């Protein structure tokens, strides 16, 4: 399987992704193209850019960041523990423009007391936006954490019209 990288500049953040014709293995947020390429090469080895391979994804990202409602039903290849996969699949069900708590996710995967473990699983989310971990907040409504910083999480929720 030939793996490539691509990116989309969302003006306030760079969205970088890695995948193949079969699906994405990584989508994350980066401060710059150099930062993204450096981290991707450390993790995946030497990769070539191939924006054409990701044309459909880039079109979805353009719509999303322009404020249009987007469902990211883009193919992904997920590797994780059984618990992580259950968390990620539940979070994928959270509708655009809505939020749920870490406790809600835990309860809805049958692990009522695992809110903190849900947060840890979301830290390892390999495909941000597609698995919309930015839509998971603390039970009191505060943002909680986010791998690329709480301000990016706030901006993503703002794009979706979420009032905090």
N, C-alpha and C. Protein backbone atom coordinates (compact mmCIF):
# COMPACT_ATOMS: atom_id res chain seq x y z
N UNK A 1 0.84 -1.18 0.00
CA UNK A 1 0.00 0.00 0.00
C UNK A 1 0.89 1.24 0.00
N UNK A 2 0.71 2.10 -0.99
CA UNK A 2 1.45 3.35 -1.09
C UNK A 2 0.78 4.41 -0.21
N UNK A 3 1.55 5.01 0.68
CA UNK A 3 1.03 5.99 1.62
C UNK A 3 1.60 7.37 1.26
N UNK A 4 0.74 8.38 1.33
CA UNK A 4 1.10 9.75 0.98
C UNK A 4 0.67 10.70 2.10
N UNK A 5 1.10 11.94 1.97
CA UNK A 5 0.57 12.95 2.86
C UNK A 5 -0.01 14.09 2.04
N UNK A 6 -0.90 14.81 2.67
CA UNK A 6 -1.50 15.99 2.09
C UNK A 6 -1.83 16.95 3.21
N UNK A 7 -2.28 18.13 2.85
CA UNK A 7 -2.60 19.11 3.87
C UNK A 7 -3.58 20.13 3.31
N UNK A 8 -4.21 20.83 4.26
CA UNK A 8 -5.12 21.90 3.92
C UNK A 8 -4.84 23.05 4.88
N UNK A 9 -4.62 24.24 4.35
CA UNK A 9 -4.34 25.41 5.18
C UNK A 9 -5.67 26.09 5.51
N UNK A 10 -6.08 25.98 6.77
CA UNK A 10 -7.35 26.54 7.22
C UNK A 10 -7.18 27.97 7.75
N UNK A 11 -6.13 28.62 7.41
CA UNK A 11 -5.76 29.99 7.79
C UNK A 11 -5.32 30.09 9.25
N UNK A 12 -6.06 29.56 10.19
CA UNK A 12 -5.65 29.63 11.60
C UNK A 12 -4.92 28.38 12.05
N UNK A 13 -4.96 27.33 11.23
CA UNK A 13 -4.29 26.06 11.56
C UNK A 13 -4.10 25.26 10.28
N UNK A 14 -3.06 24.45 10.23
CA UNK A 14 -2.84 23.57 9.10
C UNK A 14 -3.42 22.20 9.44
N UNK A 15 -4.23 21.66 8.55
CA UNK A 15 -4.77 20.32 8.71
C UNK A 15 -3.90 19.40 7.87
N UNK A 16 -3.20 18.49 8.53
CA UNK A 16 -2.32 17.56 7.82
C UNK A 16 -2.88 16.16 7.90
N UNK A 17 -2.68 15.38 6.84
CA UNK A 17 -3.23 14.03 6.82
C UNK A 17 -2.32 13.08 6.07
N UNK A 18 -2.45 11.80 6.43
CA UNK A 18 -1.66 10.73 5.84
C UNK A 18 -2.60 9.60 5.51
N UNK A 19 -2.42 9.00 4.35
CA UNK A 19 -3.26 7.88 3.97
C UNK A 19 -2.91 7.36 2.60
N UNK A 20 -3.81 6.55 2.09
CA UNK A 20 -3.65 5.92 0.80
C UNK A 20 -5.01 5.89 0.12
N UNK A 21 -5.08 5.20 -0.99
CA UNK A 21 -6.36 5.05 -1.69
C UNK A 21 -7.36 4.29 -0.81
N UNK A 22 -6.89 3.50 0.13
CA UNK A 22 -7.77 2.72 1.01
C UNK A 22 -8.37 3.55 2.14
N UNK A 23 -7.71 4.62 2.53
CA UNK A 23 -8.24 5.45 3.61
C UNK A 23 -7.17 6.19 4.36
N UNK A 24 -7.61 7.07 5.25
CA UNK A 24 -6.70 7.85 6.08
C UNK A 24 -6.23 7.04 7.28
N UNK A 25 -5.00 7.25 7.66
CA UNK A 25 -4.49 6.68 8.91
C UNK A 25 -4.21 7.79 9.92
N UNK A 26 -4.18 9.03 9.44
CA UNK A 26 -3.88 10.16 10.32
C UNK A 26 -4.47 11.44 9.76
N UNK A 27 -5.08 12.23 10.64
CA UNK A 27 -5.48 13.61 10.32
C UNK A 27 -5.33 14.39 11.61
N UNK A 28 -4.53 15.44 11.56
CA UNK A 28 -4.28 16.23 12.76
C UNK A 28 -4.07 17.69 12.44
N UNK A 29 -3.84 18.49 13.48
CA UNK A 29 -3.69 19.93 13.35
C UNK A 29 -2.25 20.31 13.68
N UNK A 30 -1.70 21.24 12.88
CA UNK A 30 -0.29 21.63 12.99
C UNK A 30 -0.15 23.13 12.85
N UNK A 31 0.90 23.67 13.44
CA UNK A 31 1.16 25.11 13.39
C UNK A 31 1.69 25.56 12.02
N UNK A 32 2.39 24.64 11.32
CA UNK A 32 2.97 24.99 10.02
C UNK A 32 3.18 23.73 9.19
N UNK A 33 3.42 23.92 7.90
CA UNK A 33 3.71 22.79 7.02
C UNK A 33 5.01 22.10 7.44
N UNK A 34 6.02 22.87 7.79
CA UNK A 34 7.29 22.28 8.23
C UNK A 34 7.09 21.42 9.47
N UNK A 35 6.30 21.92 10.42
CA UNK A 35 6.01 21.18 11.64
C UNK A 35 5.30 19.86 11.31
N UNK A 36 4.32 19.92 10.42
CA UNK A 36 3.59 18.72 10.01
C UNK A 36 4.52 17.71 9.34
N UNK A 37 5.29 18.15 8.34
CA UNK A 37 6.16 17.23 7.59
C UNK A 37 7.18 16.59 8.52
N UNK A 38 7.75 17.37 9.43
CA UNK A 38 8.73 16.83 10.39
C UNK A 38 8.10 15.73 11.25
N UNK A 39 6.93 16.00 11.80
CA UNK A 39 6.28 15.01 12.67
C UNK A 39 5.83 13.77 11.89
N UNK A 40 5.32 13.97 10.70
CA UNK A 40 4.86 12.84 9.89
C UNK A 40 6.03 11.95 9.49
N UNK A 41 7.14 12.54 9.13
CA UNK A 41 8.30 11.73 8.73
C UNK A 41 8.88 10.97 9.91
N UNK A 42 8.83 11.56 11.11
CA UNK A 42 9.29 10.84 12.31
C UNK A 42 8.41 9.63 12.56
N UNK A 43 7.12 9.79 12.35
CA UNK A 43 6.18 8.71 12.66
C UNK A 43 6.04 7.68 11.54
N UNK A 44 6.00 8.14 10.29
CA UNK A 44 5.70 7.25 9.17
C UNK A 44 6.88 7.00 8.24
N UNK A 45 8.00 7.66 8.47
CA UNK A 45 9.13 7.53 7.56
C UNK A 45 8.99 8.52 6.41
N UNK A 46 9.83 8.36 5.41
CA UNK A 46 9.80 9.29 4.28
C UNK A 46 8.56 9.04 3.44
N UNK A 47 7.75 10.07 3.31
CA UNK A 47 6.53 10.03 2.52
C UNK A 47 6.58 11.12 1.47
N UNK A 48 5.83 10.91 0.42
CA UNK A 48 5.71 11.92 -0.62
C UNK A 48 4.37 12.63 -0.50
N UNK A 49 4.34 13.91 -0.86
CA UNK A 49 3.05 14.59 -0.89
C UNK A 49 2.25 14.12 -2.11
N UNK A 50 0.94 14.08 -1.96
CA UNK A 50 0.08 13.72 -3.08
C UNK A 50 -1.29 14.34 -2.84
N UNK A 51 -1.40 15.60 -3.16
CA UNK A 51 -2.64 16.33 -2.92
C UNK A 51 -3.77 15.74 -3.76
N UNK A 52 -3.46 15.28 -4.96
CA UNK A 52 -4.49 14.72 -5.85
C UNK A 52 -5.18 13.51 -5.20
N UNK A 53 -4.43 12.71 -4.48
CA UNK A 53 -5.00 11.53 -3.80
C UNK A 53 -6.09 11.92 -2.81
N UNK A 54 -6.00 13.14 -2.28
CA UNK A 54 -6.90 13.60 -1.23
C UNK A 54 -7.89 14.68 -1.70
N UNK A 55 -8.11 14.79 -2.99
CA UNK A 55 -8.97 15.84 -3.53
C UNK A 55 -10.34 15.87 -2.85
N UNK A 56 -10.98 14.70 -2.67
CA UNK A 56 -12.31 14.65 -2.03
C UNK A 56 -12.27 15.16 -0.59
N UNK A 57 -11.23 14.77 0.13
CA UNK A 57 -11.08 15.22 1.52
C UNK A 57 -10.87 16.74 1.56
N UNK A 58 -10.04 17.25 0.69
CA UNK A 58 -9.77 18.69 0.67
C UNK A 58 -11.05 19.47 0.37
N UNK A 59 -11.90 18.95 -0.52
CA UNK A 59 -13.18 19.60 -0.80
C UNK A 59 -14.06 19.63 0.45
N UNK A 60 -14.08 18.53 1.21
CA UNK A 60 -14.84 18.50 2.46
C UNK A 60 -14.29 19.52 3.46
N UNK A 61 -12.97 19.59 3.56
CA UNK A 61 -12.34 20.54 4.49
C UNK A 61 -12.65 21.99 4.09
N UNK A 62 -12.61 22.28 2.79
CA UNK A 62 -12.94 23.63 2.33
C UNK A 62 -14.37 24.00 2.73
N UNK A 63 -15.29 23.08 2.56
CA UNK A 63 -16.68 23.33 2.94
C UNK A 63 -16.79 23.53 4.46
N UNK A 64 -16.17 22.62 5.22
CA UNK A 64 -16.24 22.70 6.68
C UNK A 64 -15.72 24.04 7.19
N UNK A 65 -14.52 24.42 6.75
CA UNK A 65 -13.91 25.64 7.27
C UNK A 65 -14.55 26.91 6.73
N UNK A 66 -15.41 26.78 5.72
CA UNK A 66 -16.17 27.94 5.26
C UNK A 66 -17.52 28.02 5.97
N UNK A 67 -17.75 27.11 6.92
CA UNK A 67 -18.96 27.16 7.74
C UNK A 67 -20.11 26.30 7.26
N UNK A 68 -19.87 25.49 6.23
CA UNK A 68 -20.92 24.60 5.75
C UNK A 68 -20.96 23.33 6.60
N UNK A 69 -22.15 22.82 6.78
CA UNK A 69 -22.33 21.57 7.52
C UNK A 69 -21.74 20.42 6.70
N UNK A 70 -20.84 19.67 7.31
CA UNK A 70 -20.16 18.58 6.61
C UNK A 70 -20.21 17.33 7.47
N UNK A 71 -20.52 16.22 6.86
CA UNK A 71 -20.38 14.92 7.51
C UNK A 71 -19.13 14.28 6.92
N UNK A 72 -18.14 14.04 7.74
CA UNK A 72 -16.87 13.47 7.27
C UNK A 72 -16.99 11.95 7.18
N UNK A 73 -17.62 11.48 6.14
CA UNK A 73 -17.72 10.04 5.90
C UNK A 73 -16.62 9.62 4.95
N UNK A 74 -15.42 9.96 5.32
CA UNK A 74 -14.24 9.66 4.52
C UNK A 74 -13.65 8.34 5.04
N UNK A 75 -13.18 7.47 4.17
CA UNK A 75 -12.65 6.18 4.65
C UNK A 75 -11.42 6.35 5.53
N UNK A 76 -11.40 5.59 6.61
CA UNK A 76 -10.27 5.61 7.55
C UNK A 76 -9.82 4.19 7.85
N UNK A 77 -8.59 4.08 8.26
CA UNK A 77 -8.02 2.81 8.72
C UNK A 77 -7.61 3.05 10.16
N UNK A 78 -8.35 2.45 11.09
CA UNK A 78 -8.12 2.70 12.51
C UNK A 78 -7.40 1.53 13.16
N UNK A 79 -6.42 1.85 13.97
CA UNK A 79 -5.73 0.87 14.79
C UNK A 79 -5.76 1.38 16.22
N UNK A 80 -6.28 0.57 17.11
CA UNK A 80 -6.35 0.96 18.51
C UNK A 80 -6.81 -0.21 19.34
N UNK A 81 -6.88 0.00 20.64
CA UNK A 81 -7.39 -1.05 21.53
C UNK A 81 -8.90 -1.17 21.31
N UNK A 82 -9.47 -2.22 21.84
CA UNK A 82 -10.92 -2.39 21.75
C UNK A 82 -11.64 -1.19 22.40
N UNK A 83 -11.14 -0.76 23.54
CA UNK A 83 -11.74 0.38 24.23
C UNK A 83 -11.64 1.65 23.38
N UNK A 84 -10.46 1.93 22.85
CA UNK A 84 -10.29 3.11 22.02
C UNK A 84 -11.24 3.08 20.82
N UNK A 85 -11.33 1.96 20.16
CA UNK A 85 -12.21 1.84 18.99
C UNK A 85 -13.66 2.09 19.36
N UNK A 86 -14.10 1.58 20.52
CA UNK A 86 -15.48 1.82 20.97
C UNK A 86 -15.71 3.30 21.24
N UNK A 87 -14.74 3.95 21.89
CA UNK A 87 -14.84 5.39 22.16
C UNK A 87 -14.92 6.15 20.84
N UNK A 88 -13.99 5.88 19.95
CA UNK A 88 -13.94 6.61 18.69
C UNK A 88 -15.23 6.44 17.88
N UNK A 89 -15.77 5.24 17.84
CA UNK A 89 -17.00 5.02 17.07
C UNK A 89 -18.20 5.73 17.71
N UNK A 90 -18.23 5.79 19.03
CA UNK A 90 -19.32 6.52 19.71
C UNK A 90 -19.19 8.03 19.44
N UNK A 91 -17.98 8.54 19.53
CA UNK A 91 -17.76 9.97 19.29
C UNK A 91 -18.09 10.33 17.84
N UNK A 92 -17.86 9.43 16.93
CA UNK A 92 -18.18 9.67 15.51
C UNK A 92 -19.68 9.91 15.32
N UNK A 93 -20.50 9.42 16.25
CA UNK A 93 -21.95 9.58 16.17
C UNK A 93 -22.44 10.95 16.65
N UNK A 94 -21.59 11.73 17.28
CA UNK A 94 -22.02 13.04 17.79
C UNK A 94 -22.28 13.95 16.59
N UNK A 95 -23.50 14.47 16.48
CA UNK A 95 -23.85 15.29 15.32
C UNK A 95 -23.08 16.61 15.25
N UNK A 96 -22.91 17.07 14.03
CA UNK A 96 -22.34 18.38 13.74
C UNK A 96 -23.10 19.43 14.57
N UNK A 97 -22.34 20.32 15.21
CA UNK A 97 -22.96 21.42 15.95
C UNK A 97 -23.45 21.06 17.33
N UNK A 98 -23.15 19.84 17.79
CA UNK A 98 -23.57 19.42 19.13
C UNK A 98 -22.35 18.94 19.90
N UNK A 99 -22.48 18.94 21.23
CA UNK A 99 -21.41 18.42 22.08
C UNK A 99 -21.99 17.38 23.04
N UNK A 100 -21.12 16.53 23.54
CA UNK A 100 -21.45 15.55 24.56
C UNK A 100 -20.31 15.57 25.57
N UNK A 101 -20.58 15.05 26.76
CA UNK A 101 -19.54 15.01 27.80
C UNK A 101 -18.75 13.71 27.73
N UNK A 102 -17.57 13.76 28.35
CA UNK A 102 -16.75 12.55 28.47
C UNK A 102 -17.55 11.46 29.17
N UNK A 103 -18.31 11.86 30.21
CA UNK A 103 -19.15 10.92 30.94
C UNK A 103 -20.24 10.32 30.07
N UNK A 104 -20.83 11.12 29.20
CA UNK A 104 -21.85 10.63 28.27
C UNK A 104 -21.26 9.54 27.37
N UNK A 105 -20.06 9.80 26.85
CA UNK A 105 -19.41 8.80 26.00
C UNK A 105 -19.18 7.52 26.80
N UNK A 106 -18.63 7.67 28.00
CA UNK A 106 -18.35 6.50 28.84
C UNK A 106 -19.62 5.69 29.09
N UNK A 107 -20.68 6.36 29.49
CA UNK A 107 -21.94 5.68 29.77
C UNK A 107 -22.49 4.96 28.53
N UNK A 108 -22.35 5.60 27.38
CA UNK A 108 -22.91 5.05 26.16
C UNK A 108 -22.08 3.96 25.50
N UNK A 109 -20.92 3.68 26.08
CA UNK A 109 -20.17 2.49 25.64
C UNK A 109 -20.16 1.43 26.75
N UNK A 110 -21.01 1.66 27.77
CA UNK A 110 -21.14 0.68 28.85
C UNK A 110 -20.08 0.74 29.92
N UNK A 111 -19.40 1.88 30.04
CA UNK A 111 -18.34 2.03 31.04
C UNK A 111 -18.57 3.31 31.83
N UNK A 112 -19.63 3.32 32.63
CA UNK A 112 -20.10 4.52 33.34
C UNK A 112 -19.02 5.33 34.05
N UNK A 113 -18.05 4.68 34.62
CA UNK A 113 -17.05 5.37 35.45
C UNK A 113 -15.76 5.66 34.69
N UNK A 114 -15.79 5.56 33.37
CA UNK A 114 -14.55 5.65 32.58
C UNK A 114 -14.38 6.98 31.85
N UNK A 115 -14.92 8.07 32.38
CA UNK A 115 -14.81 9.36 31.69
C UNK A 115 -13.35 9.77 31.45
N UNK A 116 -12.51 9.55 32.45
CA UNK A 116 -11.09 9.90 32.29
C UNK A 116 -10.42 9.02 31.23
N UNK A 117 -10.77 7.75 31.19
CA UNK A 117 -10.23 6.84 30.17
C UNK A 117 -10.71 7.25 28.78
N UNK A 118 -11.94 7.76 28.70
CA UNK A 118 -12.44 8.28 27.42
C UNK A 118 -11.55 9.43 26.96
N UNK A 119 -11.22 10.34 27.87
CA UNK A 119 -10.33 11.45 27.53
C UNK A 119 -8.98 10.96 27.03
N UNK A 120 -8.45 9.93 27.67
CA UNK A 120 -7.17 9.37 27.24
C UNK A 120 -7.29 8.73 25.86
N UNK A 121 -8.39 8.06 25.58
CA UNK A 121 -8.60 7.46 24.25
C UNK A 121 -8.68 8.56 23.20
N UNK A 122 -9.34 9.66 23.54
CA UNK A 122 -9.49 10.75 22.58
C UNK A 122 -8.16 11.45 22.31
N UNK A 123 -7.25 11.44 23.28
CA UNK A 123 -5.90 11.99 23.06
C UNK A 123 -5.19 11.24 21.94
N UNK A 124 -5.57 9.98 21.76
CA UNK A 124 -4.93 9.13 20.76
C UNK A 124 -5.75 9.01 19.47
N UNK A 125 -6.76 9.85 19.34
CA UNK A 125 -7.59 9.85 18.14
C UNK A 125 -6.70 10.10 16.92
N UNK A 126 -6.63 9.15 16.00
CA UNK A 126 -5.72 9.32 14.86
C UNK A 126 -6.29 10.19 13.73
N UNK A 127 -7.59 10.44 13.74
CA UNK A 127 -8.20 11.17 12.63
C UNK A 127 -9.18 12.24 13.15
N UNK A 128 -8.61 13.32 13.68
CA UNK A 128 -9.42 14.44 14.17
C UNK A 128 -10.36 14.91 13.06
N UNK A 129 -11.44 15.52 13.43
CA UNK A 129 -12.55 15.95 12.58
C UNK A 129 -13.37 14.77 12.09
N UNK A 130 -12.74 13.75 11.56
CA UNK A 130 -13.50 12.58 11.11
C UNK A 130 -14.08 11.87 12.32
N UNK A 131 -13.27 11.71 13.35
CA UNK A 131 -13.77 11.34 14.67
C UNK A 131 -13.71 12.65 15.46
N UNK A 132 -14.85 13.31 15.61
CA UNK A 132 -14.88 14.70 16.08
C UNK A 132 -14.69 14.85 17.59
N UNK A 133 -13.49 14.56 18.05
CA UNK A 133 -13.21 14.63 19.49
C UNK A 133 -13.37 16.05 20.03
N UNK A 134 -13.34 17.06 19.16
CA UNK A 134 -13.55 18.43 19.63
C UNK A 134 -14.97 18.63 20.15
N UNK A 135 -15.89 17.70 19.84
CA UNK A 135 -17.28 17.80 20.30
C UNK A 135 -17.50 17.18 21.68
N UNK A 136 -16.42 16.74 22.32
CA UNK A 136 -16.53 16.17 23.66
C UNK A 136 -15.98 17.18 24.66
N UNK A 137 -16.82 17.52 25.64
CA UNK A 137 -16.49 18.53 26.64
C UNK A 137 -16.70 17.96 28.04
N UNK A 138 -16.31 18.73 29.04
CA UNK A 138 -16.55 18.32 30.42
C UNK A 138 -18.03 18.38 30.75
N UNK A 139 -18.45 17.66 31.78
CA UNK A 139 -19.87 17.62 32.14
C UNK A 139 -20.40 18.99 32.55
N UNK A 140 -19.52 19.87 33.03
CA UNK A 140 -19.95 21.22 33.41
C UNK A 140 -20.01 22.17 32.21
N UNK A 141 -19.72 21.66 31.02
CA UNK A 141 -19.78 22.46 29.81
C UNK A 141 -18.47 23.14 29.42
N UNK A 142 -17.47 23.08 30.31
CA UNK A 142 -16.18 23.67 29.92
C UNK A 142 -15.50 22.76 28.90
N UNK A 143 -14.54 23.30 28.20
CA UNK A 143 -13.98 22.60 27.04
C UNK A 143 -13.21 21.33 27.35
N UNK A 144 -12.51 21.29 28.46
CA UNK A 144 -11.63 20.14 28.70
C UNK A 144 -10.38 20.31 27.86
N UNK A 145 -9.73 19.21 27.55
CA UNK A 145 -8.48 19.29 26.81
C UNK A 145 -8.66 19.13 25.31
N UNK A 146 -7.55 19.37 24.60
CA UNK A 146 -7.50 19.15 23.17
C UNK A 146 -6.04 19.12 22.77
N UNK A 147 -5.65 18.13 21.99
CA UNK A 147 -4.25 17.92 21.66
C UNK A 147 -3.54 19.12 21.05
N UNK A 148 -4.25 19.90 20.27
CA UNK A 148 -3.64 21.05 19.59
C UNK A 148 -3.93 22.36 20.32
N UNK A 149 -4.55 22.25 21.47
CA UNK A 149 -4.84 23.45 22.25
C UNK A 149 -6.32 23.76 22.30
N UNK A 150 -6.74 24.26 23.43
CA UNK A 150 -8.16 24.54 23.67
C UNK A 150 -8.69 25.62 22.72
N UNK A 151 -7.84 26.56 22.31
CA UNK A 151 -8.31 27.61 21.40
C UNK A 151 -8.70 27.03 20.04
N UNK A 152 -8.01 26.01 19.59
CA UNK A 152 -8.38 25.36 18.32
C UNK A 152 -9.71 24.63 18.51
N UNK A 153 -9.88 23.96 19.64
CA UNK A 153 -11.14 23.30 19.93
C UNK A 153 -12.29 24.31 19.93
N UNK A 154 -12.07 25.44 20.58
CA UNK A 154 -13.07 26.49 20.65
C UNK A 154 -13.41 26.99 19.24
N UNK A 155 -12.40 27.16 18.40
CA UNK A 155 -12.61 27.65 17.03
C UNK A 155 -13.41 26.63 16.21
N UNK A 156 -13.10 25.36 16.35
CA UNK A 156 -13.84 24.31 15.61
C UNK A 156 -15.31 24.30 16.04
N UNK A 157 -15.55 24.39 17.33
CA UNK A 157 -16.93 24.40 17.82
C UNK A 157 -17.65 25.68 17.35
N UNK A 158 -16.94 26.79 17.30
CA UNK A 158 -17.52 28.03 16.81
C UNK A 158 -17.91 27.90 15.34
N UNK A 159 -17.07 27.27 14.54
CA UNK A 159 -17.39 27.03 13.12
C UNK A 159 -18.70 26.27 13.01
N UNK A 160 -18.93 25.34 13.93
CA UNK A 160 -20.13 24.52 13.91
C UNK A 160 -21.33 25.19 14.57
N UNK A 161 -21.13 26.39 15.08
CA UNK A 161 -22.23 27.13 15.68
C UNK A 161 -22.54 26.77 17.11
N UNK A 162 -21.62 26.08 17.79
CA UNK A 162 -21.82 25.70 19.19
C UNK A 162 -21.55 26.92 20.07
N UNK A 163 -22.50 27.25 20.92
CA UNK A 163 -22.35 28.35 21.88
C UNK A 163 -21.89 27.77 23.21
N UNK A 164 -20.80 28.27 23.71
CA UNK A 164 -20.26 27.76 24.97
C UNK A 164 -20.49 28.74 26.10
